[in-house]
PDB file of N, CA and C in Angstrom:
ATOM      1  N   UNK A   1      -7.809 -10.809  20.919  1.00  0.00           N
ATOM      2  CA  UNK A   1      -7.423  -9.472  21.300  1.00  0.00           C
ATOM      3  C   UNK A   1      -8.435  -8.962  22.320  1.00  0.00           C
ATOM      4  N   UNK A   2      -7.956  -8.320  23.361  1.00  0.00           N
ATOM      5  CA  UNK A   2      -8.819  -7.782  24.388  1.00  0.00           C
ATOM      6  C   UNK A   2      -9.607  -6.601  23.825  1.00  0.00           C
ATOM      7  N   UNK A   3     -10.887  -6.420  24.258  1.00  0.00           N
ATOM      8  CA  UNK A   3     -11.712  -5.348  23.692  1.00  0.00           C
ATOM      9  C   UNK A   3     -11.094  -3.960  23.839  1.00  0.00           C
ATOM     10  N   UNK A   4     -10.540  -3.642  25.004  1.00  0.00           N
ATOM     11  CA  UNK A   4      -9.962  -2.307  25.184  1.00  0.00           C
ATOM     12  C   UNK A   4      -8.730  -2.131  24.308  1.00  0.00           C
ATOM     13  N   UNK A   5      -7.944  -3.185  24.170  1.00  0.00           N
ATOM     14  CA  UNK A   5      -6.759  -3.119  23.319  1.00  0.00           C
ATOM     15  C   UNK A   5      -7.170  -2.949  21.858  1.00  0.00           C
ATOM     16  N   UNK A   6      -8.240  -3.627  21.471  1.00  0.00           N
ATOM     17  CA  UNK A   6      -8.730  -3.525  20.102  1.00  0.00           C
ATOM     18  C   UNK A   6      -9.172  -2.095  19.800  1.00  0.00           C
ATOM     19  N   UNK A   7      -9.915  -1.482  20.736  1.00  0.00           N
ATOM     20  CA  UNK A   7     -10.367  -0.104  20.532  1.00  0.00           C
ATOM     21  C   UNK A   7      -9.182   0.853  20.465  1.00  0.00           C
ATOM     22  N   UNK A   8      -8.206   0.655  21.342  1.00  0.00           N
ATOM     23  CA  UNK A   8      -7.030   1.512  21.370  1.00  0.00           C
ATOM     24  C   UNK A   8      -6.265   1.397  20.046  1.00  0.00           C
ATOM     25  N   UNK A   9      -6.105   0.174  19.558  1.00  0.00           N
ATOM     26  CA  UNK A   9      -5.403  -0.048  18.298  1.00  0.00           C
ATOM     27  C   UNK A   9      -6.161   0.588  17.140  1.00  0.00           C
ATOM     28  N   UNK A  10      -7.483   0.459  17.158  1.00  0.00           N
ATOM     29  CA  UNK A  10      -8.294   1.041  16.090  1.00  0.00           C
ATOM     30  C   UNK A  10      -8.153   2.563  16.064  1.00  0.00           C
ATOM     31  N   UNK A  11      -8.179   3.203  17.234  1.00  0.00           N
ATOM     32  CA  UNK A  11      -8.023   4.656  17.295  1.00  0.00           C
ATOM     33  C   UNK A  11      -6.630   5.071  16.836  1.00  0.00           C
ATOM     34  N   UNK A  12      -5.624   4.304  17.246  1.00  0.00           N
ATOM     35  CA  UNK A  12      -4.253   4.611  16.846  1.00  0.00           C
ATOM     36  C   UNK A  12      -4.093   4.489  15.336  1.00  0.00           C
ATOM     37  N   UNK A  13      -4.623   3.415  14.763  1.00  0.00           N
ATOM     38  CA  UNK A  13      -4.505   3.214  13.322  1.00  0.00           C
ATOM     39  C   UNK A  13      -5.256   4.282  12.547  1.00  0.00           C
ATOM     40  N   UNK A  14      -6.420   4.669  13.052  1.00  0.00           N
ATOM     41  CA  UNK A  14      -7.188   5.707  12.369  1.00  0.00           C
ATOM     42  C   UNK A  14      -6.385   7.003  12.333  1.00  0.00           C
ATOM     43  N   UNK A  15      -5.743   7.333  13.449  1.00  0.00           N
ATOM     44  CA  UNK A  15      -4.909   8.526  13.492  1.00  0.00           C
ATOM     45  C   UNK A  15      -3.727   8.424  12.547  1.00  0.00           C
ATOM     46  N   UNK A  16      -3.094   7.242  12.492  1.00  0.00           N
ATOM     47  CA  UNK A  16      -1.948   7.059  11.606  1.00  0.00           C
ATOM     48  C   UNK A  16      -2.357   7.165  10.149  1.00  0.00           C
ATOM     49  N   UNK A  17      -3.510   6.597   9.808  1.00  0.00           N
ATOM     50  CA  UNK A  17      -3.977   6.663   8.422  1.00  0.00           C
ATOM     51  C   UNK A  17      -4.236   8.110   8.046  1.00  0.00           C
ATOM     52  N   UNK A  18      -4.866   8.865   8.942  1.00  0.00           N
ATOM     53  CA  UNK A  18      -5.153  10.259   8.636  1.00  0.00           C
ATOM     54  C   UNK A  18      -3.869  11.073   8.523  1.00  0.00           C
ATOM     55  N   UNK A  19      -2.851  10.740   9.327  1.00  0.00           N
ATOM     56  CA  UNK A  19      -1.584  11.457   9.243  1.00  0.00           C
ATOM     57  C   UNK A  19      -0.889  11.204   7.910  1.00  0.00           C
ATOM     58  N   UNK A  20      -1.018   9.990   7.384  1.00  0.00           N
ATOM     59  CA  UNK A  20      -0.339   9.635   6.145  1.00  0.00           C
ATOM     60  C   UNK A  20      -1.045  10.178   4.911  1.00  0.00           C
ATOM     61  N   UNK A  21      -2.336  10.472   5.024  1.00  0.00           N
ATOM     62  CA  UNK A  21      -3.074  10.978   3.873  1.00  0.00           C
ATOM     63  C   UNK A  21      -2.730  12.443   3.645  1.00  0.00           C
ATOM     64  N   UNK A  22      -2.595  12.857   2.395  1.00  0.00           N
ATOM     65  CA  UNK A  22      -2.373  14.273   2.112  1.00  0.00           C
ATOM     66  C   UNK A  22      -3.550  15.107   2.620  1.00  0.00           C
ATOM     67  N   UNK A  23      -3.285  16.364   2.923  1.00  0.00           N
ATOM     68  CA  UNK A  23      -4.303  17.239   3.498  1.00  0.00           C
ATOM     69  C   UNK A  23      -5.535  17.332   2.606  1.00  0.00           C
ATOM     70  N   UNK A  24      -5.337  17.489   1.312  1.00  0.00           N
ATOM     71  CA  UNK A  24      -6.474  17.610   0.393  1.00  0.00           C
ATOM     72  C   UNK A  24      -7.346  16.353   0.441  1.00  0.00           C
ATOM     73  N   UNK A  25      -6.703  15.202   0.577  1.00  0.00           N
ATOM     74  CA  UNK A  25      -7.458  13.947   0.630  1.00  0.00           C
ATOM     75  C   UNK A  25      -8.210  13.814   1.951  1.00  0.00           C
ATOM     76  N   UNK A  26      -7.599  14.302   3.043  1.00  0.00           N
ATOM     77  CA  UNK A  26      -8.262  14.233   4.350  1.00  0.00           C
ATOM     78  C   UNK A  26      -9.499  15.114   4.393  1.00  0.00           C
ATOM     79  N   UNK A  27      -9.442  16.249   3.710  1.00  0.00           N
ATOM     80  CA  UNK A  27     -10.558  17.189   3.749  1.00  0.00           C
ATOM     81  C   UNK A  27     -11.606  16.907   2.681  1.00  0.00           C
ATOM     82  N   UNK A  28     -11.287  16.070   1.721  1.00  0.00           N
ATOM     83  CA  UNK A  28     -12.210  15.789   0.618  1.00  0.00           C
ATOM     84  C   UNK A  28     -13.390  14.947   1.098  1.00  0.00           C
ATOM     85  N   UNK A  29     -14.523  15.158   0.452  1.00  0.00           N
ATOM     86  CA  UNK A  29     -15.701  14.340   0.732  1.00  0.00           C
ATOM     87  C   UNK A  29     -15.518  12.963   0.110  1.00  0.00           C
ATOM     88  N   UNK A  30     -16.321  12.012   0.580  1.00  0.00           N
ATOM     89  CA  UNK A  30     -16.284  10.681  -0.020  1.00  0.00           C
ATOM     90  C   UNK A  30     -16.748  10.776  -1.471  1.00  0.00           C
ATOM     91  N   UNK A  31     -16.225   9.910  -2.335  1.00  0.00           N
ATOM     92  CA  UNK A  31     -16.652   9.944  -3.738  1.00  0.00           C
ATOM     93  C   UNK A  31     -18.130   9.563  -3.843  1.00  0.00           C
ATOM     94  N   UNK A  32     -18.777   9.960  -4.928  1.00  0.00           N
ATOM     95  CA  UNK A  32     -20.193   9.605  -5.086  1.00  0.00           C
ATOM     96  C   UNK A  32     -20.364   8.091  -5.224  1.00  0.00           C
ATOM     97  N   UNK A  33     -21.457   7.603  -4.683  1.00  0.00           N
ATOM     98  CA  UNK A  33     -21.739   6.164  -4.747  1.00  0.00           C
ATOM     99  C   UNK A  33     -22.044   5.765  -6.186  1.00  0.00           C
ATOM    100  N   UNK A  34     -21.713   4.531  -6.550  1.00  0.00           N
ATOM    101  CA  UNK A  34     -22.017   4.074  -7.908  1.00  0.00           C
ATOM    102  C   UNK A  34     -23.532   4.066  -8.147  1.00  0.00           C
ATOM    103  N   UNK A  35     -23.919   4.394  -9.358  1.00  0.00           N
ATOM    104  CA  UNK A  35     -25.335   4.452  -9.713  1.00  0.00           C
ATOM    105  C   UNK A  35     -25.858   3.070 -10.082  1.00  0.00           C
ATOM    106  N   UNK A  36     -27.138   2.866  -9.847  1.00  0.00           N
ATOM    107  CA  UNK A  36     -27.778   1.614 -10.242  1.00  0.00           C
ATOM    108  C   UNK A  36     -27.321   0.445  -9.385  1.00  0.00           C
ATOM    109  N   UNK A  37     -27.203  -0.698 -10.026  1.00  0.00           N
ATOM    110  CA  UNK A  37     -26.796  -1.933  -9.353  1.00  0.00           C
ATOM    111  C   UNK A  37     -25.323  -2.196  -9.677  1.00  0.00           C
ATOM    112  N   UNK A  38     -24.394  -1.765  -8.800  1.00  0.00           N
ATOM    113  CA  UNK A  38     -22.975  -1.961  -9.110  1.00  0.00           C
ATOM    114  C   UNK A  38     -22.579  -3.432  -9.004  1.00  0.00           C
ATOM    115  N   UNK A  39     -21.564  -3.794  -9.748  1.00  0.00           N
ATOM    116  CA  UNK A  39     -21.025  -5.148  -9.634  1.00  0.00           C
ATOM    117  C   UNK A  39     -20.307  -5.251  -8.289  1.00  0.00           C
ATOM    118  N   UNK A  40     -20.066  -6.461  -7.802  1.00  0.00           N
ATOM    119  CA  UNK A  40     -19.337  -6.591  -6.535  1.00  0.00           C
ATOM    120  C   UNK A  40     -17.973  -5.889  -6.562  1.00  0.00           C
ATOM    121  N   UNK A  41     -17.286  -5.944  -7.691  1.00  0.00           N
ATOM    122  CA  UNK A  41     -15.978  -5.286  -7.795  1.00  0.00           C
ATOM    123  C   UNK A  41     -16.124  -3.769  -7.690  1.00  0.00           C
ATOM    124  N   UNK A  42     -17.151  -3.207  -8.329  1.00  0.00           N
ATOM    125  CA  UNK A  42     -17.382  -1.760  -8.257  1.00  0.00           C
ATOM    126  C   UNK A  42     -17.764  -1.336  -6.843  1.00  0.00           C
ATOM    127  N   UNK A  43     -18.595  -2.131  -6.182  1.00  0.00           N
ATOM    128  CA  UNK A  43     -19.009  -1.812  -4.813  1.00  0.00           C
ATOM    129  C   UNK A  43     -17.808  -1.844  -3.864  1.00  0.00           C
ATOM    130  N   UNK A  44     -16.945  -2.833  -4.035  1.00  0.00           N
ATOM    131  CA  UNK A  44     -15.750  -2.932  -3.193  1.00  0.00           C
ATOM    132  C   UNK A  44     -14.808  -1.768  -3.461  1.00  0.00           C
ATOM    133  N   UNK A  45     -14.616  -1.438  -4.729  1.00  0.00           N
ATOM    134  CA  UNK A  45     -13.737  -0.321  -5.080  1.00  0.00           C
ATOM    135  C   UNK A  45     -14.258   0.978  -4.468  1.00  0.00           C
ATOM    136  N   UNK A  46     -15.573   1.169  -4.493  1.00  0.00           N
ATOM    137  CA  UNK A  46     -16.152   2.378  -3.896  1.00  0.00           C
ATOM    138  C   UNK A  46     -15.907   2.397  -2.388  1.00  0.00           C
ATOM    139  N   UNK A  47     -16.162   1.273  -1.727  1.00  0.00           N
ATOM    140  CA  UNK A  47     -15.970   1.221  -0.268  1.00  0.00           C
ATOM    141  C   UNK A  47     -14.524   1.513   0.113  1.00  0.00           C
ATOM    142  N   UNK A  48     -13.583   1.050  -0.688  1.00  0.00           N
ATOM    143  CA  UNK A  48     -12.171   1.279  -0.380  1.00  0.00           C
ATOM    144  C   UNK A  48     -11.743   2.726  -0.628  1.00  0.00           C
ATOM    145  N   UNK A  49     -12.500   3.460  -1.428  1.00  0.00           N
ATOM    146  CA  UNK A  49     -12.160   4.864  -1.685  1.00  0.00           C
ATOM    147  C   UNK A  49     -12.719   5.803  -0.626  1.00  0.00           C
ATOM    148  N   UNK A  50     -13.652   5.338   0.201  1.00  0.00           N
ATOM    149  CA  UNK A  50     -14.207   6.192   1.247  1.00  0.00           C
ATOM    150  C   UNK A  50     -13.224   6.286   2.412  1.00  0.00           C
ATOM    151  N   UNK A  51     -13.396   7.297   3.258  1.00  0.00           N
ATOM    152  CA  UNK A  51     -12.501   7.471   4.412  1.00  0.00           C
ATOM    153  C   UNK A  51     -12.593   6.268   5.344  1.00  0.00           C
ATOM    154  N   UNK A  52     -13.814   5.813   5.588  1.00  0.00           N
ATOM    155  CA  UNK A  52     -14.001   4.662   6.471  1.00  0.00           C
ATOM    156  C   UNK A  52     -13.352   3.417   5.868  1.00  0.00           C
ATOM    157  N   UNK A  53     -13.501   3.251   4.570  1.00  0.00           N
ATOM    158  CA  UNK A  53     -12.909   2.100   3.896  1.00  0.00           C
ATOM    159  C   UNK A  53     -11.395   2.105   3.972  1.00  0.00           C
ATOM    160  N   UNK A  54     -10.799   3.282   3.814  1.00  0.00           N
ATOM    161  CA  UNK A  54      -9.340   3.390   3.909  1.00  0.00           C
ATOM    162  C   UNK A  54      -8.859   3.045   5.313  1.00  0.00           C
ATOM    163  N   UNK A  55      -9.587   3.520   6.319  1.00  0.00           N
ATOM    164  CA  UNK A  55      -9.199   3.232   7.704  1.00  0.00           C
ATOM    165  C   UNK A  55      -9.327   1.737   8.002  1.00  0.00           C
ATOM    166  N   UNK A  56     -10.405   1.127   7.534  1.00  0.00           N
ATOM    167  CA  UNK A  56     -10.589  -0.312   7.768  1.00  0.00           C
ATOM    168  C   UNK A  56      -9.527  -1.134   7.045  1.00  0.00           C
ATOM    169  N   UNK A  57      -9.212  -0.738   5.827  1.00  0.00           N
ATOM    170  CA  UNK A  57      -8.217  -1.481   5.059  1.00  0.00           C
ATOM    171  C   UNK A  57      -6.837  -1.361   5.707  1.00  0.00           C
ATOM    172  N   UNK A  58      -6.533  -0.188   6.234  1.00  0.00           N
ATOM    173  CA  UNK A  58      -5.251   0.008   6.913  1.00  0.00           C
ATOM    174  C   UNK A  58      -5.161  -0.865   8.156  1.00  0.00           C
ATOM    175  N   UNK A  59      -6.299  -1.089   8.803  1.00  0.00           N
ATOM    176  CA  UNK A  59      -6.313  -1.909  10.017  1.00  0.00           C
ATOM    177  C   UNK A  59      -5.961  -3.363   9.709  1.00  0.00           C
ATOM    178  N   UNK A  60      -6.210  -3.805   8.494  1.00  0.00           N
ATOM    179  CA  UNK A  60      -5.892  -5.186   8.122  1.00  0.00           C
ATOM    180  C   UNK A  60      -4.411  -5.485   8.286  1.00  0.00           C
ATOM    181  N   UNK A  61      -3.574  -4.487   8.048  1.00  0.00           N
ATOM    182  CA  UNK A  61      -2.133  -4.694   8.155  1.00  0.00           C
ATOM    183  C   UNK A  61      -1.759  -5.163   9.552  1.00  0.00           C
ATOM    184  N   UNK A  62      -2.308  -4.524  10.556  1.00  0.00           N
ATOM    185  CA  UNK A  62      -1.987  -4.891  11.936  1.00  0.00           C
ATOM    186  C   UNK A  62      -2.628  -6.221  12.309  1.00  0.00           C
ATOM    187  N   UNK A  63      -3.803  -6.492  11.788  1.00  0.00           N
ATOM    188  CA  UNK A  63      -4.502  -7.729  12.124  1.00  0.00           C
ATOM    189  C   UNK A  63      -3.753  -8.947  11.600  1.00  0.00           C
ATOM    190  N   UNK A  64      -3.247  -8.874  10.396  1.00  0.00           N
ATOM    191  CA  UNK A  64      -2.554 -10.004   9.788  1.00  0.00           C
ATOM    192  C   UNK A  64      -1.202 -10.244  10.448  1.00  0.00           C
ATOM    193  N   UNK A  65      -0.546  -9.188  10.876  1.00  0.00           N
ATOM    194  CA  UNK A  65       0.784  -9.340  11.459  1.00  0.00           C
ATOM    195  C   UNK A  65       0.773 -10.191  12.723  1.00  0.00           C
ATOM    196  N   UNK A  66      -0.328 -10.242  13.427  1.00  0.00           N
ATOM    197  CA  UNK A  66      -0.415 -11.064  14.630  1.00  0.00           C
ATOM    198  C   UNK A  66      -0.161 -12.528  14.304  1.00  0.00           C
ATOM    199  N   UNK A  67      -0.718 -13.000  13.207  1.00  0.00           N
ATOM    200  CA  UNK A  67      -0.530 -14.400  12.820  1.00  0.00           C
ATOM    201  C   UNK A  67       0.934 -14.671  12.522  1.00  0.00           C
ATOM    202  N   UNK A  68       1.591 -13.743  11.831  1.00  0.00           N
ATOM    203  CA  UNK A  68       3.008 -13.930  11.552  1.00  0.00           C
ATOM    204  C   UNK A  68       3.816 -13.883  12.839  1.00  0.00           C
ATOM    205  N   UNK A  69       3.370 -13.082  13.792  1.00  0.00           N
ATOM    206  CA  UNK A  69       4.035 -13.019  15.088  1.00  0.00           C
ATOM    207  C   UNK A  69       3.966 -14.352  15.801  1.00  0.00           C
ATOM    208  N   UNK A  70       2.831 -15.010  15.732  1.00  0.00           N
ATOM    209  CA  UNK A  70       2.680 -16.324  16.352  1.00  0.00           C
ATOM    210  C   UNK A  70       3.657 -17.302  15.709  1.00  0.00           C
ATOM    211  N   UNK A  71       3.748 -17.254  14.403  1.00  0.00           N
ATOM    212  CA  UNK A  71       4.636 -18.185  13.705  1.00  0.00           C
ATOM    213  C   UNK A  71       6.099 -17.913  14.041  1.00  0.00           C
ATOM    214  N   UNK A  72       6.505 -16.654  14.043  1.00  0.00           N
ATOM    215  CA  UNK A  72       7.905 -16.320  14.262  1.00  0.00           C
ATOM    216  C   UNK A  72       8.321 -16.485  15.720  1.00  0.00           C
ATOM    217  N   UNK A  73       7.581 -15.858  16.623  1.00  0.00           N
ATOM    218  CA  UNK A  73       7.987 -15.799  18.024  1.00  0.00           C
ATOM    219  C   UNK A  73       7.895 -17.161  18.700  1.00  0.00           C
ATOM    220  N   UNK A  74       6.831 -17.886  18.441  1.00  0.00           N
ATOM    221  CA  UNK A  74       6.651 -19.169  19.113  1.00  0.00           C
ATOM    222  C   UNK A  74       7.257 -20.331  18.342  1.00  0.00           C
ATOM    223  N   UNK A  75       7.774 -20.069  17.177  1.00  0.00           N
ATOM    224  CA  UNK A  75       8.401 -21.132  16.408  1.00  0.00           C
ATOM    225  C   UNK A  75       7.393 -22.123  15.831  1.00  0.00           C
ATOM    226  N   UNK A  76       6.165 -21.680  15.645  1.00  0.00           N
ATOM    227  CA  UNK A  76       5.134 -22.553  15.092  1.00  0.00           C
ATOM    228  C   UNK A  76       5.247 -22.534  13.573  1.00  0.00           C
ATOM    229  N   UNK A  77       5.751 -23.597  12.999  1.00  0.00           N
ATOM    230  CA  UNK A  77       6.000 -23.633  11.560  1.00  0.00           C
ATOM    231  C   UNK A  77       4.990 -24.480  10.790  1.00  0.00           C
ATOM    232  N   UNK A  78       4.524 -25.551  11.415  1.00  0.00           N
ATOM    233  CA  UNK A  78       3.583 -26.428  10.714  1.00  0.00           C
ATOM    234  C   UNK A  78       2.743 -27.179  11.736  1.00  0.00           C
ATOM    235  N   UNK A  79       1.621 -27.671  11.269  1.00  0.00           N
ATOM    236  CA  UNK A  79       0.766 -28.476  12.132  1.00  0.00           C
ATOM    237  C   UNK A  79       1.345 -29.884  12.238  1.00  0.00           C
ATOM    238  N   UNK A  80       1.254 -30.442  13.423  1.00  0.00           N
ATOM    239  CA  UNK A  80       1.797 -31.777  13.652  1.00  0.00           C
ATOM    240  C   UNK A  80       0.737 -32.862  13.491  1.00  0.00           C
ATOM    241  N   UNK A  81      -0.529 -32.470  13.549  1.00  0.00           N
ATOM    242  CA  UNK A  81      -1.623 -33.430  13.460  1.00  0.00           C
ATOM    243  C   UNK A  81      -2.276 -33.365  12.084  1.00  0.00           C
ATOM    244  N   UNK A  82      -3.081 -34.376  11.792  1.00  0.00           N
ATOM    245  CA  UNK A  82      -3.776 -34.430  10.508  1.00  0.00           C
ATOM    246  C   UNK A  82      -5.272 -34.389  10.740  1.00  0.00           C
ATOM    247  N   UNK A  83      -5.981 -33.837   9.783  1.00  0.00           N
ATOM    248  CA  UNK A  83      -7.433 -33.746   9.866  1.00  0.00           C
ATOM    249  C   UNK A  83      -7.857 -32.370  10.364  1.00  0.00           C
ATOM    250  N   UNK A  84      -8.976 -31.895   9.838  1.00  0.00           N
ATOM    251  CA  UNK A  84      -9.438 -30.548  10.153  1.00  0.00           C
ATOM    252  C   UNK A  84      -9.699 -30.369  11.644  1.00  0.00           C
ATOM    253  N   UNK A  85     -10.368 -31.306  12.251  1.00  0.00           N
ATOM    254  CA  UNK A  85     -10.704 -31.187  13.677  1.00  0.00           C
ATOM    255  C   UNK A  85      -9.436 -31.153  14.541  1.00  0.00           C
ATOM    256  N   UNK A  86      -8.479 -31.999  14.226  1.00  0.00           N
ATOM    257  CA  UNK A  86      -7.225 -32.037  14.988  1.00  0.00           C
ATOM    258  C   UNK A  86      -6.429 -30.746  14.797  1.00  0.00           C
ATOM    259  N   UNK A  87      -6.406 -30.235  13.570  1.00  0.00           N
ATOM    260  CA  UNK A  87      -5.675 -28.999  13.290  1.00  0.00           C
ATOM    261  C   UNK A  87      -6.341 -27.821  13.998  1.00  0.00           C
ATOM    262  N   UNK A  88      -7.672 -27.798  14.020  1.00  0.00           N
ATOM    263  CA  UNK A  88      -8.371 -26.727  14.735  1.00  0.00           C
ATOM    264  C   UNK A  88      -8.027 -26.760  16.223  1.00  0.00           C
ATOM    265  N   UNK A  89      -7.952 -27.946  16.795  1.00  0.00           N
ATOM    266  CA  UNK A  89      -7.574 -28.075  18.198  1.00  0.00           C
ATOM    267  C   UNK A  89      -6.146 -27.631  18.442  1.00  0.00           C
ATOM    268  N   UNK A  90      -5.249 -28.010  17.543  1.00  0.00           N
ATOM    269  CA  UNK A  90      -3.849 -27.612  17.680  1.00  0.00           C
ATOM    270  C   UNK A  90      -3.714 -26.092  17.568  1.00  0.00           C
ATOM    271  N   UNK A  91      -4.427 -25.489  16.611  1.00  0.00           N
ATOM    272  CA  UNK A  91      -4.372 -24.041  16.446  1.00  0.00           C
ATOM    273  C   UNK A  91      -4.953 -23.336  17.675  1.00  0.00           C
ATOM    274  N   UNK A  92      -6.015 -23.894  18.245  1.00  0.00           N
ATOM    275  CA  UNK A  92      -6.600 -23.311  19.454  1.00  0.00           C
ATOM    276  C   UNK A  92      -5.581 -23.306  20.596  1.00  0.00           C
ATOM    277  N   UNK A  93      -4.802 -24.365  20.721  1.00  0.00           N
ATOM    278  CA  UNK A  93      -3.771 -24.413  21.764  1.00  0.00           C
ATOM    279  C   UNK A  93      -2.659 -23.397  21.502  1.00  0.00           C
ATOM    280  N   UNK A  94      -2.267 -23.249  20.250  1.00  0.00           N
ATOM    281  CA  UNK A  94      -1.236 -22.264  19.904  1.00  0.00           C
ATOM    282  C   UNK A  94      -1.732 -20.861  20.243  1.00  0.00           C
ATOM    283  N   UNK A  95      -2.975 -20.562  19.878  1.00  0.00           N
ATOM    284  CA  UNK A  95      -3.545 -19.240  20.169  1.00  0.00           C
ATOM    285  C   UNK A  95      -3.706 -19.025  21.670  1.00  0.00           C
ATOM    286  N   UNK A  96      -4.078 -20.061  22.389  1.00  0.00           N
ATOM    287  CA  UNK A  96      -4.194 -19.960  23.843  1.00  0.00           C
ATOM    288  C   UNK A  96      -2.842 -19.594  24.453  1.00  0.00           C
ATOM    289  N   UNK A  97      -1.794 -20.258  24.005  1.00  0.00           N
ATOM    290  CA  UNK A  97      -0.456 -19.942  24.496  1.00  0.00           C
ATOM    291  C   UNK A  97      -0.058 -18.509  24.173  1.00  0.00           C
ATOM    292  N   UNK A  98      -0.360 -18.075  22.958  1.00  0.00           N
ATOM    293  CA  UNK A  98      -0.046 -16.709  22.540  1.00  0.00           C
ATOM    294  C   UNK A  98      -0.803 -15.695  23.398  1.00  0.00           C
ATOM    295  N   UNK A  99      -2.101 -15.940  23.608  1.00  0.00           N
ATOM    296  CA  UNK A  99      -2.913 -15.006  24.392  1.00  0.00           C
ATOM    297  C   UNK A  99      -2.483 -14.968  25.853  1.00  0.00           C
ATOM    298  N   UNK A 100      -2.116 -16.115  26.414  1.00  0.00           N
ATOM    299  CA  UNK A 100      -1.623 -16.128  27.798  1.00  0.00           C
ATOM    300  C   UNK A 100      -0.316 -15.349  27.911  1.00  0.00           C
ATOM    301  N   UNK A 101       0.549 -15.527  26.940  1.00  0.00           N
ATOM    302  CA  UNK A 101       1.819 -14.800  26.933  1.00  0.00           C
ATOM    303  C   UNK A 101       1.574 -13.292  26.867  1.00  0.00           C
ATOM    304  N   UNK A 102       0.644 -12.873  26.025  1.00  0.00           N
ATOM    305  CA  UNK A 102       0.323 -11.452  25.906  1.00  0.00           C
ATOM    306  C   UNK A 102      -0.331 -10.928  27.177  1.00  0.00           C
ATOM    307  N   UNK A 103      -1.214 -11.729  27.770  1.00  0.00           N
ATOM    308  CA  UNK A 103      -1.891 -11.320  28.997  1.00  0.00           C
ATOM    309  C   UNK A 103      -0.882 -11.084  30.114  1.00  0.00           C
ATOM    310  N   UNK A 104       0.066 -11.991  30.243  1.00  0.00           N
ATOM    311  CA  UNK A 104       1.103 -11.844  31.269  1.00  0.00           C
ATOM    312  C   UNK A 104       1.947 -10.602  30.992  1.00  0.00           C
ATOM    313  N   UNK A 105       2.265 -10.371  29.730  1.00  0.00           N
ATOM    314  CA  UNK A 105       3.068  -9.193  29.377  1.00  0.00           C
ATOM    315  C   UNK A 105       2.305  -7.897  29.650  1.00  0.00           C
ATOM    316  N   UNK A 106       1.001  -7.895  29.375  1.00  0.00           N
ATOM    317  CA  UNK A 106       0.206  -6.686  29.585  1.00  0.00           C
ATOM    318  C   UNK A 106      -0.040  -6.408  31.063  1.00  0.00           C
ATOM    319  N   UNK A 107      -0.268  -7.457  31.829  1.00  0.00           N
ATOM    320  CA  UNK A 107      -0.544  -7.292  33.261  1.00  0.00           C
ATOM    321  C   UNK A 107       0.734  -7.072  34.059  1.00  0.00           C
ATOM    322  N   UNK A 108       1.853  -7.488  33.495  1.00  0.00           N
ATOM    323  CA  UNK A 108       3.156  -7.272  34.122  1.00  0.00           C
ATOM    324  C   UNK A 108       3.376  -8.205  35.221  1.00  0.00           C
TER     325      UNK A 108
END
């Protein structure tokens, strides 16, 4: 993803997340941090309850959809090669094709 496009998407998603949150939730302060040494699950739960955490989690939806877009639009269903190194090379070519297609579409 291009840096400017990434920033634009992040700002758009942040606005959408804030629009979807009820007014009381938008104006509320972040919950208090867990006391002492929280477990990893407690620390993650706290981060997801903060405004920043909600915005970051919402951004995951758009990030994951790109991979599904590659699979659907380009017809990429399975790897044709075997072995980790070969699959990494094949995936790099698929992503290169996807990025070139997007670049051409963006530049017009």
